[in-house]
C-alpha atoms as a PDB file:
ATOM      1  CA  MET A   1     152.998 136.465 131.255  1.00  0.00           C
ATOM      2  CA  PRO A   2     150.785 139.396 132.325  1.00  0.00           C
ATOM      3  CA  LYS A   3     147.228 139.816 131.112  1.00  0.00           C
ATOM      4  CA  MET A   4     146.704 141.739 127.900  1.00  0.00           C
ATOM      5  CA  LYS A   5     145.167 145.147 128.522  1.00  0.00           C
ATOM      6  CA  THR A   6     142.118 146.196 126.536  1.00  0.00           C
ATOM      7  CA  ARG A   7     142.425 149.432 124.609  1.00  0.00           C
ATOM      8  CA  ARG A   8     139.573 151.395 126.130  1.00  0.00           C
ATOM      9  CA  SER A   9     139.019 153.468 122.989  1.00  0.00           C
ATOM     10  CA  ALA A  10     138.401 150.253 121.036  1.00  0.00           C
ATOM     11  CA  ALA A  11     136.171 148.785 123.754  1.00  0.00           C
ATOM     12  CA  LYS A  12     133.855 151.803 123.460  1.00  0.00           C
ATOM     13  CA  ARG A  13     133.596 151.500 119.678  1.00  0.00           C
ATOM     14  CA  PHE A  14     133.274 147.753 119.044  1.00  0.00           C
ATOM     15  CA  LYS A  15     131.006 144.994 120.365  1.00  0.00           C
ATOM     16  CA  LEU A  16     130.929 141.264 119.697  1.00  0.00           C
ATOM     17  CA  THR A  17     127.926 139.725 117.977  1.00  0.00           C
ATOM     18  CA  GLY A  18     126.451 136.398 119.014  1.00  0.00           C
ATOM     19  CA  THR A  19     128.318 134.597 116.245  1.00  0.00           C
ATOM     20  CA  GLY A  20     131.659 136.160 117.213  1.00  0.00           C
ATOM     21  CA  ARG A  21     131.930 138.817 114.523  1.00  0.00           C
ATOM     22  CA  ILE A  22     132.739 142.403 115.525  1.00  0.00           C
ATOM     23  CA  ARG A  23     130.076 145.086 115.202  1.00  0.00           C
ATOM     24  CA  ARG A  24     130.860 148.743 114.574  1.00  0.00           C
ATOM     25  CA  ASN A  25     128.921 151.950 113.994  1.00  0.00           C
ATOM     26  CA  LYS A  26     129.008 153.623 110.611  1.00  0.00           C
ATOM     27  CA  ALA A  27     130.852 156.894 110.091  1.00  0.00           C
ATOM     28  CA  ASN A  28     129.622 160.307 108.828  1.00  0.00           C
ATOM     29  CA  HIS A  29     126.431 160.493 110.867  1.00  0.00           C
ATOM     30  CA  ARG A  30     127.296 163.415 113.172  1.00  0.00           C
ATOM     31  CA  HIS A  31     126.893 166.651 111.238  1.00  0.00           C
ATOM     32  CA  MET A  32     126.343 168.102 107.739  1.00  0.00           C
ATOM     33  CA  LEU A  33     123.461 165.676 107.240  1.00  0.00           C
ATOM     34  CA  ILE A  34     121.367 168.167 105.282  1.00  0.00           C
ATOM     35  CA  ARG A  35     123.213 167.356 102.052  1.00  0.00           C
ATOM     36  CA  ARG A  36     122.905 163.575 102.414  1.00  0.00           C
ATOM     37  CA  SER A  37     120.025 161.617 100.960  1.00  0.00           C
ATOM     38  CA  LYS A  38     117.436 160.035 103.227  1.00  0.00           C
ATOM     39  CA  SER A  39     118.531 156.556 102.186  1.00  0.00           C
ATOM     40  CA  ALA A  40     122.180 157.306 103.002  1.00  0.00           C
ATOM     41  CA  LYS A  41     121.231 158.603 106.463  1.00  0.00           C
ATOM     42  CA  ARG A  42     119.043 155.566 107.062  1.00  0.00           C
ATOM     43  CA  LYS A  43     121.856 153.173 106.109  1.00  0.00           C
ATOM     44  CA  MET A  44     124.268 154.935 108.477  1.00  0.00           C
ATOM     45  CA  ARG A  45     121.879 154.324 111.395  1.00  0.00           C
ATOM     46  CA  ASN A  46     122.410 150.565 111.218  1.00  0.00           C
ATOM     47  CA  ALA A  47     125.538 148.978 112.622  1.00  0.00           C
ATOM     48  CA  GLY A  48     128.036 147.403 110.245  1.00  0.00           C
ATOM     49  CA  LEU A  49     130.567 144.627 110.681  1.00  0.00           C
ATOM     50  CA  VAL A  50     134.332 145.002 110.783  1.00  0.00           C
ATOM     51  CA  SER A  51     135.882 143.683 107.574  1.00  0.00           C
ATOM     52  CA  SER A  52     137.808 140.425 107.681  1.00  0.00           C
ATOM     53  CA  ALA A  53     141.007 142.321 106.824  1.00  0.00           C
ATOM     54  CA  GLU A  54     140.702 144.480 109.976  1.00  0.00           C
ATOM     55  CA  GLU A  55     139.186 141.886 112.298  1.00  0.00           C
ATOM     56  CA  LYS A  56     142.492 140.470 113.556  1.00  0.00           C
ATOM     57  CA  ARG A  57     143.760 143.955 114.489  1.00  0.00           C
ATOM     58  CA  VAL A  58     140.534 144.872 116.297  1.00  0.00           C
ATOM     59  CA  ARG A  59     140.505 141.582 118.233  1.00  0.00           C
ATOM     60  CA  LYS A  60     144.042 142.315 119.424  1.00  0.00           C
ATOM     61  CA  MET A  61     142.980 145.780 120.596  1.00  0.00           C
ATOM     62  CA  LEU A  62     140.022 144.283 122.468  1.00  0.00           C
ATOM     63  CA  GLY A  63     142.223 141.652 124.100  1.00  0.00           C
ATOM     64  CA  ILE A  64     140.181 138.768 122.680  1.00  0.00           C
END
């Protein structure tokens, strides 16, 4: 059986945490920020975690 290839697009977007969860960046932080509140912009700065429903799919894309 050949090795599973990593999807490079996924590898650039997701990282593993120390506990094995998958970290992701939050969306909507590129442009049109003038209409968003300061608190919303601040929350988007921090990384989020991939939901448990999506985690299996992301792990498969990463070849984990």
